[in-house]
C-alpha atoms as a PDB file:
ATOM      1  CA  MET A   1       0.000   0.000   0.000  1.00  0.00           C
ATOM      2  CA  ASP A   2       1.406   3.399  -0.958  1.00  0.00           C
ATOM      3  CA  LEU A   3      -0.329   6.516   0.333  1.00  0.00           C
ATOM      4  CA  GLY A   4       1.296   9.117  -1.898  1.00  0.00           C
ATOM      5  CA  SER A   5       5.003   8.733  -1.158  1.00  0.00           C
ATOM      6  CA  ARG A   6       7.440  10.892  -3.114  1.00  0.00           C
ATOM      7  CA  ASN A   7       9.171   8.050  -4.990  1.00  0.00           C
ATOM      8  CA  GLY A   8       6.315   5.556  -5.083  1.00  0.00           C
ATOM      9  CA  THR A   9       6.236   1.867  -4.251  1.00  0.00           C
ATOM     10  CA  PHE A  10       6.476  -0.852  -6.902  1.00  0.00           C
ATOM     11  CA  ILE A  11       5.941  -4.615  -6.896  1.00  0.00           C
ATOM     12  CA  ASN A  12       7.515  -6.419  -9.850  1.00  0.00           C
ATOM     13  CA  GLY A  13       7.784  -3.061 -11.629  1.00  0.00           C
ATOM     14  CA  ASN A  14       4.092  -2.211 -11.192  1.00  0.00           C
ATOM     15  CA  PRO A  15       3.109   0.870  -9.159  1.00  0.00           C
ATOM     16  CA  VAL A  16       1.233   0.185  -5.919  1.00  0.00           C
ATOM     17  CA  GLY A  17      -1.748   2.353  -5.019  1.00  0.00           C
ATOM     18  CA  ALA A  18      -3.810   2.766  -1.864  1.00  0.00           C
ATOM     19  CA  ASP A  19      -5.342  -0.734  -2.056  1.00  0.00           C
ATOM     20  CA  PRO A  20      -3.614  -3.607  -0.189  1.00  0.00           C
ATOM     21  CA  GLN A  21      -1.650  -6.008  -2.398  1.00  0.00           C
ATOM     22  CA  LYS A  22      -1.010  -9.743  -2.015  1.00  0.00           C
ATOM     23  CA  HIS A  23       2.593 -10.875  -2.295  1.00  0.00           C
ATOM     24  CA  THR A  24       4.112 -14.151  -3.414  1.00  0.00           C
ATOM     25  CA  ASN A  25       7.600 -15.584  -3.007  1.00  0.00           C
ATOM     26  CA  TRP A  26      10.337 -13.731  -4.888  1.00  0.00           C
ATOM     27  CA  ASP A  27       8.255 -10.625  -5.601  1.00  0.00           C
ATOM     28  CA  LYS A  28      10.554  -7.655  -6.233  1.00  0.00           C
ATOM     29  CA  VAL A  29       9.551  -4.777  -3.941  1.00  0.00           C
ATOM     30  CA  GLU A  30      10.964  -1.291  -4.630  1.00  0.00           C
ATOM     31  CA  LEU A  31      10.763   1.469  -1.983  1.00  0.00           C
ATOM     32  CA  GLY A  32      12.488   4.789  -2.577  1.00  0.00           C
ATOM     33  CA  GLY A  33      15.920   3.927  -3.972  1.00  0.00           C
ATOM     34  CA  MET A  34      15.970   0.421  -2.511  1.00  0.00           C
ATOM     35  CA  SER A  35      14.781  -2.898  -3.947  1.00  0.00           C
ATOM     36  CA  MET A  36      14.422  -6.321  -2.321  1.00  0.00           C
ATOM     37  CA  HIS A  37      12.935  -9.711  -3.102  1.00  0.00           C
ATOM     38  CA  TRP A  38      10.137 -10.907  -0.827  1.00  0.00           C
ATOM     39  CA  PHE A  39      10.473 -14.493   0.419  1.00  0.00           C
ATOM     40  CA  PHE A  40       8.259 -16.303   2.928  1.00  0.00           C
ATOM     41  CA  MET A  41       9.811 -19.051   5.021  1.00  0.00           C
ATOM     42  CA  GLU A  42       7.648 -22.112   5.578  1.00  0.00           C
ATOM     43  CA  SER A  43       7.019 -22.943   9.201  1.00  0.00           C
ATOM     44  CA  GLN A  44       8.441 -26.268  10.327  1.00  0.00           C
ATOM     45  CA  ASP A  45       7.072 -28.497  13.036  1.00  0.00           C
ATOM     46  CA  THR A  46       9.179 -28.927  16.162  1.00  0.00           C
ATOM     47  CA  ILE A  47       9.962 -32.498  17.189  1.00  0.00           C
END
């Protein structure tokens, strides 16, 4: 969700607006001058 930031927010090169977005593994998220890949770890049962 981006609420009018100066540089915008992008997911996989697409601009993000005010509506919430769903993410999947390895999505590229860009904020300001920074970019990162989103990765969700799977929970593992404890023995």
